Amino acid sequence: QRATGALVLVHEAYHLRRWGGRWDEGRVECRAIRHFRVGAELLGVSPEVANELLPYALAAHQRMVTLFPNYRAPNCRLPLWALPMSP
Protein backbone atom coordinates (compact mmCIF):
# COMPACT_ATOMS: atom_id res chain seq x y z
CA GLN A 1 0.00 0.00 0.00
CA ARG A 2 2.86 2.38 0.79
CA ALA A 3 4.51 1.72 -2.57
CA THR A 4 1.28 2.23 -4.50
CA GLY A 5 0.48 5.38 -2.55
CA ALA A 6 3.91 6.83 -3.21
CA LEU A 7 3.69 5.91 -6.90
CA VAL A 8 0.31 7.62 -7.22
CA LEU A 9 1.64 10.78 -5.54
CA VAL A 10 4.70 10.88 -7.80
CA HIS A 11 2.47 10.25 -10.84
CA GLU A 12 0.13 13.10 -9.94
CA ALA A 13 3.06 15.41 -9.22
CA TYR A 14 4.25 14.90 -12.79
CA HIS A 15 0.87 16.11 -14.03
CA LEU A 16 1.47 19.36 -12.13
CA ARG A 17 4.92 20.00 -13.61
CA ARG A 18 5.14 22.29 -16.63
CA TRP A 19 6.41 20.07 -19.44
CA GLY A 20 5.08 18.98 -22.81
CA GLY A 21 4.05 15.47 -21.78
CA ARG A 22 2.06 16.26 -18.67
CA TRP A 23 -1.26 15.45 -20.38
CA ASP A 24 -0.05 12.08 -21.72
CA GLU A 25 -0.81 9.39 -19.12
CA GLY A 26 1.76 7.01 -20.58
CA ARG A 27 4.61 9.51 -20.43
CA VAL A 28 3.60 10.66 -16.95
CA GLU A 29 3.44 7.09 -15.63
CA CYS A 30 6.80 6.30 -17.21
CA ARG A 31 8.42 9.24 -15.47
CA ALA A 32 6.72 8.37 -12.20
CA ILE A 33 8.01 4.78 -12.12
CA ARG A 34 11.46 5.79 -13.38
CA HIS A 35 11.81 8.35 -10.58
CA PHE A 36 9.97 6.35 -7.93
CA ARG A 37 12.92 6.04 -5.53
CA VAL A 38 13.66 9.77 -5.59
CA GLY A 39 9.97 10.57 -5.15
CA ALA A 40 9.67 8.18 -2.21
CA GLU A 41 12.72 9.76 -0.61
CA LEU A 42 11.20 13.23 -1.08
CA LEU A 43 8.11 11.89 0.68
CA GLY A 44 10.27 11.02 3.68
CA VAL A 45 11.57 7.47 3.47
CA SER A 46 15.22 6.45 3.56
CA PRO A 47 16.99 5.34 0.37
CA GLU A 48 16.96 1.77 1.72
CA VAL A 49 13.18 1.79 2.26
CA ALA A 50 12.65 3.40 -1.15
CA ASN A 51 14.61 0.52 -2.68
CA GLU A 52 12.61 -2.03 -0.68
CA LEU A 53 9.35 -0.50 -1.94
CA LEU A 54 10.44 -0.48 -5.60
CA PRO A 55 9.43 -4.10 -6.43
CA TYR A 56 5.92 -3.40 -5.10
CA ALA A 57 5.75 -0.17 -7.10
CA LEU A 58 6.86 -2.06 -10.22
CA ALA A 59 4.10 -4.63 -9.63
CA ALA A 60 1.52 -1.86 -9.20
CA HIS A 61 2.82 -0.20 -12.38
CA GLN A 62 2.55 -3.46 -14.32
CA ARG A 63 -1.00 -4.03 -13.13
CA MET A 64 -1.99 -0.49 -14.08
CA VAL A 65 -0.53 -0.60 -17.60
CA THR A 66 -2.12 -4.02 -18.16
CA LEU A 67 -5.58 -2.90 -17.05
CA PHE A 68 -5.35 0.57 -18.62
CA PRO A 69 -3.27 0.52 -21.83
CA ASN A 70 -3.28 4.33 -22.13
CA TYR A 71 -0.91 4.35 -19.11
CA ARG A 72 1.70 2.37 -21.07
CA ALA A 73 4.56 4.19 -22.77
CA PRO A 74 6.04 1.89 -25.43
CA ASN A 75 9.64 3.05 -24.96
CA CYS A 76 9.63 3.34 -21.17
CA ARG A 77 12.71 1.89 -19.51
CA LEU A 78 11.83 0.57 -16.07
CA PRO A 79 14.22 1.08 -13.15
CA LEU A 80 16.23 -1.85 -11.86
CA TRP A 81 15.81 -3.01 -8.31
CA ALA A 82 19.09 -3.08 -6.39
CA LEU A 83 19.53 -6.18 -4.27
CA PRO A 84 19.93 -5.02 -0.65
CA MET A 85 23.42 -5.91 0.49
CA SER A 86 24.65 -6.10 4.07
CA PRO A 87 28.38 -5.62 4.66
C-alpha atoms as a PDB file:
ATOM      1  CA  GLN A   1       0.000   0.000   0.000  1.00  0.00           C
ATOM      2  CA  ARG A   2       2.859   2.383   0.786  1.00  0.00           C
ATOM      3  CA  ALA A   3       4.506   1.724  -2.570  1.00  0.00           C
ATOM      4  CA  THR A   4       1.277   2.225  -4.502  1.00  0.00           C
ATOM      5  CA  GLY A   5       0.476   5.377  -2.546  1.00  0.00           C
ATOM      6  CA  ALA A   6       3.914   6.832  -3.208  1.00  0.00           C
ATOM      7  CA  LEU A   7       3.691   5.914  -6.902  1.00  0.00           C
ATOM      8  CA  VAL A   8       0.309   7.621  -7.223  1.00  0.00           C
ATOM      9  CA  LEU A   9       1.640  10.778  -5.543  1.00  0.00           C
ATOM     10  CA  VAL A  10       4.703  10.878  -7.802  1.00  0.00           C
ATOM     11  CA  HIS A  11       2.474  10.251 -10.841  1.00  0.00           C
ATOM     12  CA  GLU A  12       0.126  13.098  -9.943  1.00  0.00           C
ATOM     13  CA  ALA A  13       3.057  15.407  -9.217  1.00  0.00           C
ATOM     14  CA  TYR A  14       4.250  14.897 -12.793  1.00  0.00           C
ATOM     15  CA  HIS A  15       0.867  16.106 -14.031  1.00  0.00           C
ATOM     16  CA  LEU A  16       1.475  19.356 -12.128  1.00  0.00           C
ATOM     17  CA  ARG A  17       4.916  20.000 -13.610  1.00  0.00           C
ATOM     18  CA  ARG A  18       5.139  22.288 -16.627  1.00  0.00           C
ATOM     19  CA  TRP A  19       6.412  20.066 -19.439  1.00  0.00           C
ATOM     20  CA  GLY A  20       5.076  18.984 -22.805  1.00  0.00           C
ATOM     21  CA  GLY A  21       4.048  15.474 -21.782  1.00  0.00           C
ATOM     22  CA  ARG A  22       2.060  16.263 -18.671  1.00  0.00           C
ATOM     23  CA  TRP A  23      -1.255  15.447 -20.379  1.00  0.00           C
ATOM     24  CA  ASP A  24      -0.049  12.081 -21.719  1.00  0.00           C
ATOM     25  CA  GLU A  25      -0.805   9.390 -19.119  1.00  0.00           C
ATOM     26  CA  GLY A  26       1.762   7.009 -20.585  1.00  0.00           C
ATOM     27  CA  ARG A  27       4.609   9.508 -20.434  1.00  0.00           C
ATOM     28  CA  VAL A  28       3.602  10.656 -16.948  1.00  0.00           C
ATOM     29  CA  GLU A  29       3.444   7.087 -15.634  1.00  0.00           C
ATOM     30  CA  CYS A  30       6.799   6.298 -17.213  1.00  0.00           C
ATOM     31  CA  ARG A  31       8.424   9.238 -15.474  1.00  0.00           C
ATOM     32  CA  ALA A  32       6.715   8.369 -12.201  1.00  0.00           C
ATOM     33  CA  ILE A  33       8.014   4.784 -12.122  1.00  0.00           C
ATOM     34  CA  ARG A  34      11.463   5.791 -13.377  1.00  0.00           C
ATOM     35  CA  HIS A  35      11.809   8.349 -10.582  1.00  0.00           C
ATOM     36  CA  PHE A  36       9.971   6.349  -7.927  1.00  0.00           C
ATOM     37  CA  ARG A  37      12.915   6.043  -5.530  1.00  0.00           C
ATOM     38  CA  VAL A  38      13.659   9.774  -5.594  1.00  0.00           C
ATOM     39  CA  GLY A  39       9.975  10.572  -5.147  1.00  0.00           C
ATOM     40  CA  ALA A  40       9.669   8.183  -2.214  1.00  0.00           C
ATOM     41  CA  GLU A  41      12.720   9.761  -0.607  1.00  0.00           C
ATOM     42  CA  LEU A  42      11.201  13.226  -1.079  1.00  0.00           C
ATOM     43  CA  LEU A  43       8.108  11.887   0.683  1.00  0.00           C
ATOM     44  CA  GLY A  44      10.274  11.025   3.683  1.00  0.00           C
ATOM     45  CA  VAL A  45      11.573   7.467   3.468  1.00  0.00           C
ATOM     46  CA  SER A  46      15.221   6.453   3.556  1.00  0.00           C
ATOM     47  CA  PRO A  47      16.994   5.336   0.366  1.00  0.00           C
ATOM     48  CA  GLU A  48      16.956   1.766   1.718  1.00  0.00           C
ATOM     49  CA  VAL A  49      13.184   1.788   2.259  1.00  0.00           C
ATOM     50  CA  ALA A  50      12.647   3.402  -1.153  1.00  0.00           C
ATOM     51  CA  ASN A  51      14.614   0.520  -2.684  1.00  0.00           C
ATOM     52  CA  GLU A  52      12.608  -2.033  -0.679  1.00  0.00           C
ATOM     53  CA  LEU A  53       9.352  -0.505  -1.939  1.00  0.00           C
ATOM     54  CA  LEU A  54      10.442  -0.481  -5.598  1.00  0.00           C
ATOM     55  CA  PRO A  55       9.428  -4.103  -6.431  1.00  0.00           C
ATOM     56  CA  TYR A  56       5.923  -3.399  -5.104  1.00  0.00           C
ATOM     57  CA  ALA A  57       5.745  -0.169  -7.105  1.00  0.00           C
ATOM     58  CA  LEU A  58       6.860  -2.059 -10.225  1.00  0.00           C
ATOM     59  CA  ALA A  59       4.104  -4.630  -9.625  1.00  0.00           C
ATOM     60  CA  ALA A  60       1.517  -1.856  -9.205  1.00  0.00           C
ATOM     61  CA  HIS A  61       2.816  -0.197 -12.377  1.00  0.00           C
ATOM     62  CA  GLN A  62       2.554  -3.460 -14.321  1.00  0.00           C
ATOM     63  CA  ARG A  63      -0.996  -4.029 -13.133  1.00  0.00           C
ATOM     64  CA  MET A  64      -1.985  -0.489 -14.078  1.00  0.00           C
ATOM     65  CA  VAL A  65      -0.525  -0.596 -17.595  1.00  0.00           C
ATOM     66  CA  THR A  66      -2.119  -4.016 -18.163  1.00  0.00           C
ATOM     67  CA  LEU A  67      -5.579  -2.903 -17.054  1.00  0.00           C
ATOM     68  CA  PHE A  68      -5.347   0.570 -18.615  1.00  0.00           C
ATOM     69  CA  PRO A  69      -3.267   0.524 -21.829  1.00  0.00           C
ATOM     70  CA  ASN A  70      -3.279   4.325 -22.132  1.00  0.00           C
ATOM     71  CA  TYR A  71      -0.905   4.350 -19.114  1.00  0.00           C
ATOM     72  CA  ARG A  72       1.702   2.366 -21.071  1.00  0.00           C
ATOM     73  CA  ALA A  73       4.561   4.190 -22.771  1.00  0.00           C
ATOM     74  CA  PRO A  74       6.039   1.887 -25.434  1.00  0.00           C
ATOM     75  CA  ASN A  75       9.644   3.051 -24.960  1.00  0.00           C
ATOM     76  CA  CYS A  76       9.629   3.341 -21.170  1.00  0.00           C
ATOM     77  CA  ARG A  77      12.714   1.890 -19.512  1.00  0.00           C
ATOM     78  CA  LEU A  78      11.830   0.573 -16.071  1.00  0.00           C
ATOM     79  CA  PRO A  79      14.216   1.077 -13.154  1.00  0.00           C
ATOM     80  CA  LEU A  80      16.228  -1.847 -11.864  1.00  0.00           C
ATOM     81  CA  TRP A  81      15.814  -3.005  -8.307  1.00  0.00           C
ATOM     82  CA  ALA A  82      19.093  -3.078  -6.391  1.00  0.00           C
ATOM     83  CA  LEU A  83      19.534  -6.180  -4.267  1.00  0.00           C
ATOM     84  CA  PRO A  84      19.929  -5.023  -0.648  1.00  0.00           C
ATOM     85  CA  MET A  85      23.424  -5.911   0.487  1.00  0.00           C
ATOM     86  CA  SER A  86      24.648  -6.102   4.067  1.00  0.00           C
ATOM     87  CA  PRO A  87      28.381  -5.619   4.660  1.00  0.00           C
END
